[in-house]
PDB file of all heavy atoms in Angstrom:
ATOM      1  N   VAL A   1     -21.160  13.007  18.202  1.00  0.00           N
ATOM      2  CA  VAL A   1     -20.968  14.395  17.777  1.00  0.00           C
ATOM      3  C   VAL A   1     -22.351  14.971  17.530  1.00  0.00           C
ATOM      4  O   VAL A   1     -23.153  14.403  16.787  1.00  0.00           O
ATOM      5  CB  VAL A   1     -20.107  14.497  16.493  1.00  0.00           C
ATOM      6  CG1 VAL A   1     -20.129  15.907  15.943  1.00  0.00           C
ATOM      7  CG2 VAL A   1     -18.684  14.066  16.762  1.00  0.00           C
ATOM      8  N   VAL A   2     -22.642  16.103  18.183  1.00  0.00           N
ATOM      9  CA  VAL A   2     -23.933  16.768  18.037  1.00  0.00           C
ATOM     10  C   VAL A   2     -23.684  18.198  17.592  1.00  0.00           C
ATOM     11  O   VAL A   2     -22.889  18.913  18.206  1.00  0.00           O
ATOM     12  CB  VAL A   2     -24.726  16.770  19.367  1.00  0.00           C
ATOM     13  CG1 VAL A   2     -26.062  17.478  19.187  1.00  0.00           C
ATOM     14  CG2 VAL A   2     -24.940  15.358  19.867  1.00  0.00           C
ATOM     15  N   ALA A   3     -24.368  18.604  16.525  1.00  0.00           N
ATOM     16  CA  ALA A   3     -24.276  19.985  16.034  1.00  0.00           C
ATOM     17  C   ALA A   3     -25.293  20.845  16.769  1.00  0.00           C
ATOM     18  O   ALA A   3     -26.267  20.337  17.329  1.00  0.00           O
ATOM     19  CB  ALA A   3     -24.555  20.024  14.534  1.00  0.00           C
ATOM     20  N   THR A   4     -25.068  22.148  16.759  1.00  0.00           N
ATOM     21  CA  THR A   4     -25.989  23.067  17.422  1.00  0.00           C
ATOM     22  C   THR A   4     -27.385  23.008  16.810  1.00  0.00           C
ATOM     23  O   THR A   4     -28.363  23.314  17.481  1.00  0.00           O
ATOM     24  CB  THR A   4     -25.468  24.513  17.360  1.00  0.00           C
ATOM     25  OG1 THR A   4     -25.207  24.845  15.989  1.00  0.00           O
ATOM     26  CG2 THR A   4     -24.210  24.675  18.190  1.00  0.00           C
ATOM     27  N   ASP A   5     -27.498  22.570  15.540  1.00  0.00           N
ATOM     28  CA  ASP A   5     -28.812  22.461  14.896  1.00  0.00           C
ATOM     29  C   ASP A   5     -29.446  21.084  15.075  1.00  0.00           C
ATOM     30  O   ASP A   5     -30.474  20.786  14.480  1.00  0.00           O
ATOM     31  CB  ASP A   5     -28.720  22.823  13.414  1.00  0.00           C
ATOM     32  CG  ASP A   5     -27.850  21.870  12.617  1.00  0.00           C
ATOM     33  OD1 ASP A   5     -27.353  20.867  13.184  1.00  0.00           O
ATOM     34  OD2 ASP A   5     -27.651  22.126  11.412  1.00  0.00           O
ATOM     35  N   GLY A   6     -28.820  20.204  15.874  1.00  0.00           N
ATOM     36  CA  GLY A   6     -29.417  18.904  16.184  1.00  0.00           C
ATOM     37  C   GLY A   6     -28.916  17.735  15.372  1.00  0.00           C
ATOM     38  O   GLY A   6     -29.278  16.594  15.655  1.00  0.00           O
ATOM     39  N   ARG A   7     -28.109  17.967  14.341  1.00  0.00           N
ATOM     40  CA  ARG A   7     -27.557  16.844  13.576  1.00  0.00           C
ATOM     41  C   ARG A   7     -26.708  15.987  14.498  1.00  0.00           C
ATOM     42  O   ARG A   7     -25.968  16.511  15.326  1.00  0.00           O
ATOM     43  CB  ARG A   7     -26.718  17.341  12.406  1.00  0.00           C
ATOM     44  CG  ARG A   7     -27.543  18.038  11.350  1.00  0.00           C
ATOM     45  CD  ARG A   7     -26.684  18.498  10.223  1.00  0.00           C
ATOM     46  NE  ARG A   7     -26.283  19.872  10.487  1.00  0.00           N
ATOM     47  CZ  ARG A   7     -25.434  20.554   9.753  1.00  0.00           C
ATOM     48  NH1 ARG A   7     -24.853  19.988   8.720  1.00  0.00           N
ATOM     49  NH2 ARG A   7     -25.142  21.790  10.045  1.00  0.00           N
ATOM     50  N   ARG A   8     -26.803  14.649  14.350  1.00  0.00           N
ATOM     51  CA  ARG A   8     -26.107  13.741  15.262  1.00  0.00           C
ATOM     52  C   ARG A   8     -25.419  12.621  14.491  1.00  0.00           C
ATOM     53  O   ARG A   8     -25.966  12.079  13.546  1.00  0.00           O
ATOM     54  CB  ARG A   8     -27.090  13.088  16.222  1.00  0.00           C
ATOM     55  CG  ARG A   8     -27.896  14.041  17.044  1.00  0.00           C
ATOM     56  CD  ARG A   8     -29.020  13.342  17.782  1.00  0.00           C
ATOM     57  NE  ARG A   8     -28.546  12.331  18.686  1.00  0.00           N
ATOM     58  CZ  ARG A   8     -28.301  12.527  19.974  1.00  0.00           C
ATOM     59  NH1 ARG A   8     -28.502  13.715  20.488  1.00  0.00           N
ATOM     60  NH2 ARG A   8     -27.870  11.557  20.744  1.00  0.00           N
ATOM     61  N   LEU A   9     -24.223  12.274  14.949  1.00  0.00           N
ATOM     62  CA  LEU A   9     -23.468  11.141  14.428  1.00  0.00           C
ATOM     63  C   LEU A   9     -22.886  10.419  15.631  1.00  0.00           C
ATOM     64  O   LEU A   9     -22.222  11.048  16.474  1.00  0.00           O
ATOM     65  CB  LEU A   9     -22.345  11.623  13.499  1.00  0.00           C
ATOM     66  CG  LEU A   9     -21.337  10.579  13.024  1.00  0.00           C
ATOM     67  CD1 LEU A   9     -22.002   9.551  12.129  1.00  0.00           C
ATOM     68  CD2 LEU A   9     -20.188  11.242  12.291  1.00  0.00           C
ATOM     69  N   SER A  10     -23.152   9.120  15.730  1.00  0.00           N
ATOM     70  CA  SER A  10     -22.604   8.352  16.843  1.00  0.00           C
ATOM     71  C   SER A  10     -21.992   7.059  16.319  1.00  0.00           C
ATOM     72  O   SER A  10     -22.354   6.581  15.247  1.00  0.00           O
ATOM     73  CB  SER A  10     -23.685   8.044  17.886  1.00  0.00           C
ATOM     74  OG  SER A  10     -24.678   7.207  17.341  1.00  0.00           O
ATOM     75  N   ALA A  11     -21.050   6.503  17.111  1.00  0.00           N
ATOM     76  CA  ALA A  11     -20.383   5.257  16.750  1.00  0.00           C
ATOM     77  C   ALA A  11     -19.587   4.768  17.951  1.00  0.00           C
ATOM     78  O   ALA A  11     -19.450   5.475  18.951  1.00  0.00           O
ATOM     79  CB  ALA A  11     -19.450   5.472  15.557  1.00  0.00           C
ATOM     80  N   ASP A  12     -19.047   3.565  17.819  1.00  0.00           N
ATOM     81  CA  ASP A  12     -18.161   3.048  18.859  1.00  0.00           C
ATOM     82  C   ASP A  12     -16.921   3.929  18.977  1.00  0.00           C
ATOM     83  O   ASP A  12     -16.465   4.220  20.070  1.00  0.00           O
ATOM     84  CB  ASP A  12     -17.739   1.609  18.556  1.00  0.00           C
ATOM     85  CG  ASP A  12     -18.904   0.633  18.618  1.00  0.00           C
ATOM     86  OD1 ASP A  12     -19.917   0.943  19.278  1.00  0.00           O
ATOM     87  OD2 ASP A  12     -18.800  -0.448  18.002  1.00  0.00           O
ATOM     88  N   VAL A  13     -16.377   4.346  17.807  1.00  0.00           N
ATOM     89  CA  VAL A  13     -15.200   5.219  17.765  1.00  0.00           C
ATOM     90  C   VAL A  13     -15.446   6.325  16.750  1.00  0.00           C
ATOM     91  O   VAL A  13     -15.854   6.058  15.622  1.00  0.00           O
ATOM     92  CB  VAL A  13     -13.925   4.437  17.370  1.00  0.00           C
ATOM     93  CG1 VAL A  13     -12.727   5.370  17.243  1.00  0.00           C
ATOM     94  CG2 VAL A  13     -13.638   3.311  18.351  1.00  0.00           C
ATOM     95  N   LEU A  14     -15.198   7.565  17.166  1.00  0.00           N
ATOM     96  CA  LEU A  14     -15.265   8.716  16.264  1.00  0.00           C
ATOM     97  C   LEU A  14     -13.916   9.406  16.240  1.00  0.00           C
ATOM     98  O   LEU A  14     -13.305   9.611  17.294  1.00  0.00           O
ATOM     99  CB  LEU A  14     -16.314   9.729  16.733  1.00  0.00           C
ATOM    100  CG  LEU A  14     -17.775   9.331  16.613  1.00  0.00           C
ATOM    101  CD1 LEU A  14     -18.661  10.426  17.195  1.00  0.00           C
ATOM    102  CD2 LEU A  14     -18.152   9.063  15.172  1.00  0.00           C
ATOM    103  N   VAL A  15     -13.465   9.760  15.032  1.00  0.00           N
ATOM    104  CA  VAL A  15     -12.221  10.501  14.860  1.00  0.00           C
ATOM    105  C   VAL A  15     -12.577  11.823  14.202  1.00  0.00           C
ATOM    106  O   VAL A  15     -13.037  11.853  13.058  1.00  0.00           O
ATOM    107  CB  VAL A  15     -11.208   9.720  13.995  1.00  0.00           C
ATOM    108  CG1 VAL A  15      -9.936  10.535  13.794  1.00  0.00           C
ATOM    109  CG2 VAL A  15     -10.901   8.359  14.612  1.00  0.00           C
ATOM    110  N   GLY A  16     -12.384  12.918  14.939  1.00  0.00           N
ATOM    111  CA  GLY A  16     -12.684  14.245  14.431  1.00  0.00           C
ATOM    112  C   GLY A  16     -11.419  14.934  13.968  1.00  0.00           C
ATOM    113  O   GLY A  16     -10.448  15.012  14.721  1.00  0.00           O
ATOM    114  N   HIS A  17     -11.415  15.399  12.736  1.00  0.00           N
ATOM    115  CA  HIS A  17     -10.272  16.130  12.182  1.00  0.00           C
ATOM    116  C   HIS A  17     -10.601  17.614  12.241  1.00  0.00           C
ATOM    117  O   HIS A  17     -11.621  18.059  11.712  1.00  0.00           O
ATOM    118  CB  HIS A  17      -9.988  15.684  10.752  1.00  0.00           C
ATOM    119  CG  HIS A  17      -9.629  14.235  10.668  1.00  0.00           C
ATOM    120  ND1 HIS A  17      -8.345  13.784  10.815  1.00  0.00           N
ATOM    121  CD2 HIS A  17     -10.399  13.138  10.503  1.00  0.00           C
ATOM    122  CE1 HIS A  17      -8.334  12.464  10.715  1.00  0.00           C
ATOM    123  NE2 HIS A  17      -9.561  12.048  10.529  1.00  0.00           N
ATOM    124  N   ILE A  18      -9.726  18.380  12.876  1.00  0.00           N
ATOM    125  CA  ILE A  18      -9.962  19.795  13.134  1.00  0.00           C
ATOM    126  C   ILE A  18      -9.024  20.611  12.258  1.00  0.00           C
ATOM    127  O   ILE A  18      -7.855  20.251  12.081  1.00  0.00           O
ATOM    128  CB  ILE A  18      -9.736  20.098  14.626  1.00  0.00           C
ATOM    129  CG1 ILE A  18     -10.713  19.236  15.444  1.00  0.00           C
ATOM    130  CG2 ILE A  18      -9.917  21.568  14.937  1.00  0.00           C
ATOM    131  CD1 ILE A  18     -10.381  19.119  16.897  1.00  0.00           C
ATOM    132  N   SER A  19      -9.525  21.727  11.711  1.00  0.00           N
ATOM    133  CA  SER A  19      -8.693  22.553  10.837  1.00  0.00           C
ATOM    134  C   SER A  19      -7.464  23.038  11.591  1.00  0.00           C
ATOM    135  O   SER A  19      -7.464  23.142  12.817  1.00  0.00           O
ATOM    136  CB  SER A  19      -9.496  23.738  10.297  1.00  0.00           C
ATOM    137  OG  SER A  19      -9.781  24.646  11.331  1.00  0.00           O
ATOM    138  N   GLN A  20      -6.429  23.367  10.866  1.00  0.00           N
ATOM    139  CA  GLN A  20      -5.160  23.755  11.469  1.00  0.00           C
ATOM    140  C   GLN A  20      -5.154  25.188  11.967  1.00  0.00           C
ATOM    141  O   GLN A  20      -4.123  25.706  12.337  1.00  0.00           O
ATOM    142  CB  GLN A  20      -4.024  23.511  10.492  1.00  0.00           C
ATOM    143  CG  GLN A  20      -3.830  22.040  10.214  1.00  0.00           C
ATOM    144  CD  GLN A  20      -2.610  21.774   9.371  1.00  0.00           C
ATOM    145  OE1 GLN A  20      -1.751  22.622   9.210  1.00  0.00           O
ATOM    146  NE2 GLN A  20      -2.540  20.580   8.825  1.00  0.00           N
ATOM    147  N   GLY A  21      -6.307  25.818  12.056  1.00  0.00           N
ATOM    148  CA  GLY A  21      -6.385  27.178  12.574  1.00  0.00           C
ATOM    149  C   GLY A  21      -6.159  27.249  14.070  1.00  0.00           C
ATOM    150  O   GLY A  21      -5.893  28.299  14.610  1.00  0.00           O
ATOM    151  N   ALA A  22      -6.257  26.106  14.764  1.00  0.00           N
ATOM    152  CA  ALA A  22      -6.062  26.099  16.217  1.00  0.00           C
ATOM    153  C   ALA A  22      -4.619  26.439  16.534  1.00  0.00           C
ATOM    154  O   ALA A  22      -3.698  25.997  15.873  1.00  0.00           O
ATOM    155  CB  ALA A  22      -6.426  24.743  16.789  1.00  0.00           C
ATOM    156  N   ALA A  23      -4.407  27.238  17.553  1.00  0.00           N
ATOM    157  CA  ALA A  23      -3.062  27.692  17.910  1.00  0.00           C
ATOM    158  C   ALA A  23      -2.263  26.565  18.553  1.00  0.00           C
ATOM    159  O   ALA A  23      -2.722  25.968  19.521  1.00  0.00           O
ATOM    160  CB  ALA A  23      -3.164  28.864  18.869  1.00  0.00           C
ATOM    161  N   PRO A  24      -1.069  26.214  18.017  1.00  0.00           N
ATOM    162  CA  PRO A  24      -0.263  25.177  18.641  1.00  0.00           C
ATOM    163  C   PRO A  24       0.295  25.654  19.978  1.00  0.00           C
ATOM    164  O   PRO A  24       0.510  26.843  20.185  1.00  0.00           O
ATOM    165  CB  PRO A  24       0.863  24.943  17.625  1.00  0.00           C
ATOM    166  CG  PRO A  24       0.920  26.188  16.831  1.00  0.00           C
ATOM    167  CD  PRO A  24      -0.454  26.797  16.846  1.00  0.00           C
ATOM    168  N   GLY A  25       0.495  24.715  20.873  1.00  0.00           N
ATOM    169  CA  GLY A  25       1.087  25.039  22.164  1.00  0.00           C
ATOM    170  C   GLY A  25       0.125  25.707  23.115  1.00  0.00           C
ATOM    171  O   GLY A  25       0.520  26.235  24.131  1.00  0.00           O
ATOM    172  N   LYS A  26      -1.159  25.706  22.796  1.00  0.00           N
ATOM    173  CA  LYS A  26      -2.152  26.306  23.684  1.00  0.00           C
ATOM    174  C   LYS A  26      -2.238  25.476  24.958  1.00  0.00           C
ATOM    175  O   LYS A  26      -2.230  24.262  24.906  1.00  0.00           O
ATOM    176  CB  LYS A  26      -3.503  26.329  22.964  1.00  0.00           C
ATOM    177  CG  LYS A  26      -4.553  27.077  23.730  1.00  0.00           C
ATOM    178  CD  LYS A  26      -5.807  27.229  22.920  1.00  0.00           C
ATOM    179  CE  LYS A  26      -6.812  28.013  23.744  1.00  0.00           C
ATOM    180  NZ  LYS A  26      -7.997  28.270  23.030  1.00  0.00           N
ATOM    181  N   PRO A  27      -2.331  26.092  26.121  1.00  0.00           N
ATOM    182  CA  PRO A  27      -2.395  25.334  27.366  1.00  0.00           C
ATOM    183  C   PRO A  27      -3.584  24.388  27.390  1.00  0.00           C
ATOM    184  O   PRO A  27      -4.598  24.637  26.745  1.00  0.00           O
ATOM    185  CB  PRO A  27      -2.546  26.398  28.450  1.00  0.00           C
ATOM    186  CG  PRO A  27      -2.243  27.693  27.800  1.00  0.00           C
ATOM    187  CD  PRO A  27      -2.394  27.509  26.321  1.00  0.00           C
ATOM    188  N   ASP A  28      -3.436  23.299  28.148  1.00  0.00           N
ATOM    189  CA  ASP A  28      -4.505  22.316  28.271  1.00  0.00           C
ATOM    190  C   ASP A  28      -5.713  22.935  28.944  1.00  0.00           C
ATOM    191  O   ASP A  28      -5.614  23.922  29.666  1.00  0.00           O
ATOM    192  CB  ASP A  28      -4.033  21.113  29.078  1.00  0.00           C
ATOM    193  CG  ASP A  28      -2.977  20.322  28.335  1.00  0.00           C
ATOM    194  OD1 ASP A  28      -2.957  20.360  27.109  1.00  0.00           O
ATOM    195  OD2 ASP A  28      -2.181  19.664  29.013  1.00  0.00           O
ATOM    196  N   ALA A  29      -6.862  22.298  28.739  1.00  0.00           N
ATOM    197  CA  ALA A  29      -8.102  22.756  29.369  1.00  0.00           C
ATOM    198  C   ALA A  29      -7.967  22.615  30.879  1.00  0.00           C
ATOM    199  O   ALA A  29      -7.246  21.756  31.368  1.00  0.00           O
ATOM    200  CB  ALA A  29      -9.265  21.929  28.842  1.00  0.00           C
ATOM    201  N   PRO A  30      -8.671  23.451  31.649  1.00  0.00           N
ATOM    202  CA  PRO A  30      -8.532  23.425  33.097  1.00  0.00           C
ATOM    203  C   PRO A  30      -8.985  22.122  33.735  1.00  0.00           C
ATOM    204  O   PRO A  30      -8.500  21.751  34.776  1.00  0.00           O
ATOM    205  CB  PRO A  30      -9.411  24.589  33.565  1.00  0.00           C
ATOM    206  CG  PRO A  30     -10.282  24.927  32.419  1.00  0.00           C
ATOM    207  CD  PRO A  30      -9.576  24.473  31.181  1.00  0.00           C
ATOM    208  N   HIS A  31      -9.903  21.414  33.132  1.00  0.00           N
ATOM    209  CA  HIS A  31     -10.383  20.147  33.686  1.00  0.00           C
ATOM    210  C   HIS A  31      -9.989  19.034  32.738  1.00  0.00           C
ATOM    211  O   HIS A  31     -10.211  19.154  31.541  1.00  0.00           O
ATOM    212  CB  HIS A  31     -11.904  20.209  33.846  1.00  0.00           C
ATOM    213  CG  HIS A  31     -12.456  19.018  34.562  1.00  0.00           C
ATOM    214  ND1 HIS A  31     -12.715  17.851  33.918  1.00  0.00           N
ATOM    215  CD2 HIS A  31     -12.777  18.831  35.867  1.00  0.00           C
ATOM    216  CE1 HIS A  31     -13.188  16.973  34.792  1.00  0.00           C
ATOM    217  NE2 HIS A  31     -13.233  17.552  35.971  1.00  0.00           N
ATOM    218  N   PRO A  32      -9.414  17.925  33.226  1.00  0.00           N
ATOM    219  CA  PRO A  32      -8.948  16.881  32.322  1.00  0.00           C
ATOM    220  C   PRO A  32     -10.062  16.245  31.502  1.00  0.00           C
ATOM    221  O   PRO A  32      -9.806  15.701  30.442  1.00  0.00           O
ATOM    222  CB  PRO A  32      -8.291  15.858  33.243  1.00  0.00           C
ATOM    223  CG  PRO A  32      -8.722  16.189  34.618  1.00  0.00           C
ATOM    224  CD  PRO A  32      -9.137  17.621  34.622  1.00  0.00           C
ATOM    225  N   ALA A  33     -11.300  16.295  31.957  1.00  0.00           N
ATOM    226  CA  ALA A  33     -12.390  15.670  31.219  1.00  0.00           C
ATOM    227  C   ALA A  33     -13.027  16.629  30.221  1.00  0.00           C
ATOM    228  O   ALA A  33     -13.976  16.279  29.555  1.00  0.00           O
ATOM    229  CB  ALA A  33     -13.454  15.162  32.185  1.00  0.00           C
ATOM    230  N   ALA A  34     -12.537  17.861  30.123  1.00  0.00           N
ATOM    231  CA  ALA A  34     -13.112  18.826  29.191  1.00  0.00           C
ATOM    232  C   ALA A  34     -12.001  19.479  28.387  1.00  0.00           C
ATOM    233  O   ALA A  34     -10.946  19.770  28.896  1.00  0.00           O
ATOM    234  CB  ALA A  34     -13.889  19.893  29.951  1.00  0.00           C
ATOM    235  N   ALA A  35     -12.250  19.668  27.108  1.00  0.00           N
ATOM    236  CA  ALA A  35     -11.298  20.359  26.250  1.00  0.00           C
ATOM    237  C   ALA A  35     -12.096  21.249  25.323  1.00  0.00           C
ATOM    238  O   ALA A  35     -13.279  21.051  25.112  1.00  0.00           O
ATOM    239  CB  ALA A  35     -10.477  19.356  25.445  1.00  0.00           C
ATOM    240  N   SER A  36     -11.444  22.248  24.756  1.00  0.00           N
ATOM    241  CA  SER A  36     -12.124  23.154  23.848  1.00  0.00           C
ATOM    242  C   SER A  36     -11.262  23.361  22.618  1.00  0.00           C
ATOM    243  O   SER A  36     -10.075  23.618  22.732  1.00  0.00           O
ATOM    244  CB  SER A  36     -12.369  24.497  24.534  1.00  0.00           C
ATOM    245  OG  SER A  36     -12.973  25.383  23.631  1.00  0.00           O
ATOM    246  N   ALA A  37     -11.875  23.214  21.441  1.00  0.00           N
ATOM    247  CA  ALA A  37     -11.159  23.498  20.209  1.00  0.00           C
ATOM    248  C   ALA A  37     -11.107  25.007  20.050  1.00  0.00           C
ATOM    249  O   ALA A  37     -12.078  25.699  20.305  1.00  0.00           O
ATOM    250  CB  ALA A  37     -11.880  22.861  19.025  1.00  0.00           C
ATOM    251  N   ASP A  38      -9.974  25.540  19.658  1.00  0.00           N
ATOM    252  CA  ASP A  38      -9.812  26.974  19.453  1.00  0.00           C
ATOM    253  C   ASP A  38     -10.868  27.452  18.465  1.00  0.00           C
ATOM    254  O   ASP A  38     -11.221  26.764  17.525  1.00  0.00           O
ATOM    255  CB  ASP A  38      -8.402  27.226  18.908  1.00  0.00           C
ATOM    256  CG  ASP A  38      -8.083  28.688  18.797  1.00  0.00           C
ATOM    257  OD1 ASP A  38      -8.694  29.357  17.936  1.00  0.00           O
ATOM    258  OD2 ASP A  38      -7.224  29.158  19.544  1.00  0.00           O
ATOM    259  N   ALA A  39     -11.379  28.642  18.668  1.00  0.00           N
ATOM    260  CA  ALA A  39     -12.444  29.183  17.819  1.00  0.00           C
ATOM    261  C   ALA A  39     -12.024  29.257  16.356  1.00  0.00           C
ATOM    262  O   ALA A  39     -12.847  29.182  15.468  1.00  0.00           O
ATOM    263  CB  ALA A  39     -12.856  30.562  18.314  1.00  0.00           C
ATOM    264  N   SER A  40     -10.716  29.384  16.083  1.00  0.00           N
ATOM    265  CA  SER A  40     -10.276  29.458  14.691  1.00  0.00           C
ATOM    266  C   SER A  40     -10.141  28.069  14.080  1.00  0.00           C
ATOM    267  O   SER A  40     -10.080  27.942  12.875  1.00  0.00           O
ATOM    268  CB  SER A  40      -8.950  30.208  14.593  1.00  0.00           C
ATOM    269  OG  SER A  40      -7.948  29.515  15.311  1.00  0.00           O
ATOM    270  N   GLY A  41     -10.079  27.015  14.901  1.00  0.00           N
ATOM    271  CA  GLY A  41     -10.046  25.650  14.393  1.00  0.00           C
ATOM    272  C   GLY A  41     -11.461  25.114  14.367  1.00  0.00           C
ATOM    273  O   GLY A  41     -12.226  25.275  15.305  1.00  0.00           O
ATOM    274  N   LYS A  42     -11.856  24.512  13.248  1.00  0.00           N
ATOM    275  CA  LYS A  42     -13.221  23.992  13.165  1.00  0.00           C
ATOM    276  C   LYS A  42     -13.193  22.540  12.727  1.00  0.00           C
ATOM    277  O   LYS A  42     -12.214  22.062  12.169  1.00  0.00           O
ATOM    278  CB  LYS A  42     -14.071  24.825  12.215  1.00  0.00           C
ATOM    279  CG  LYS A  42     -13.671  24.734  10.767  1.00  0.00           C
ATOM    280  CD  LYS A  42     -14.617  25.543   9.906  1.00  0.00           C
ATOM    281  CE  LYS A  42     -14.299  25.260   8.449  1.00  0.00           C
ATOM    282  NZ  LYS A  42     -15.268  25.857   7.568  1.00  0.00           N
ATOM    283  N   LEU A  43     -14.263  21.852  12.992  1.00  0.00           N
ATOM    284  CA  LEU A  43     -14.382  20.453  12.636  1.00  0.00           C
ATOM    285  C   LEU A  43     -14.499  20.330  11.122  1.00  0.00           C
ATOM    286  O   LEU A  43     -15.427  20.868  10.525  1.00  0.00           O
ATOM    287  CB  LEU A  43     -15.607  19.863  13.331  1.00  0.00           C
ATOM    288  CG  LEU A  43     -15.765  18.369  13.336  1.00  0.00           C
ATOM    289  CD1 LEU A  43     -14.588  17.698  14.056  1.00  0.00           C
ATOM    290  CD2 LEU A  43     -17.065  17.989  14.029  1.00  0.00           C
ATOM    291  N   GLU A  44     -13.530  19.640  10.503  1.00  0.00           N
ATOM    292  CA  GLU A  44     -13.527  19.485   9.050  1.00  0.00           C
ATOM    293  C   GLU A  44     -14.142  18.173   8.590  1.00  0.00           C
ATOM    294  O   GLU A  44     -14.780  18.114   7.554  1.00  0.00           O
ATOM    295  CB  GLU A  44     -12.092  19.550   8.512  1.00  0.00           C
ATOM    296  CG  GLU A  44     -11.485  20.913   8.580  1.00  0.00           C
ATOM    297  CD  GLU A  44     -10.097  20.964   7.961  1.00  0.00           C
ATOM    298  OE1 GLU A  44      -9.406  19.920   7.919  1.00  0.00           O
ATOM    299  OE2 GLU A  44      -9.711  22.047   7.509  1.00  0.00           O
ATOM    300  N   ARG A  45     -13.900  17.109   9.359  1.00  0.00           N
ATOM    301  CA  ARG A  45     -14.357  15.786   8.949  1.00  0.00           C
ATOM    302  C   ARG A  45     -14.433  14.901  10.182  1.00  0.00           C
ATOM    303  O   ARG A  45     -13.629  15.025  11.093  1.00  0.00           O
ATOM    304  CB  ARG A  45     -13.370  15.193   7.936  1.00  0.00           C
ATOM    305  CG  ARG A  45     -13.779  13.879   7.357  1.00  0.00           C
ATOM    306  CD  ARG A  45     -12.794  13.371   6.294  1.00  0.00           C
ATOM    307  NE  ARG A  45     -11.640  12.744   6.924  1.00  0.00           N
ATOM    308  CZ  ARG A  45     -10.394  13.172   6.853  1.00  0.00           C
ATOM    309  NH1 ARG A  45     -10.111  14.255   6.176  1.00  0.00           N
ATOM    310  NH2 ARG A  45      -9.412  12.534   7.443  1.00  0.00           N
TER     311      ARG A  45
END
């Protein structure tokens, strides 16, 4: 996980918890290897 200001956290496994602001039922990302968190959902932990 890399922040826009350069902060970095790496590990064998990372679990990102995203705020519930993301809209449920949003269509999948156009490419299977890329996804985008909704702008209203943010990384909490």
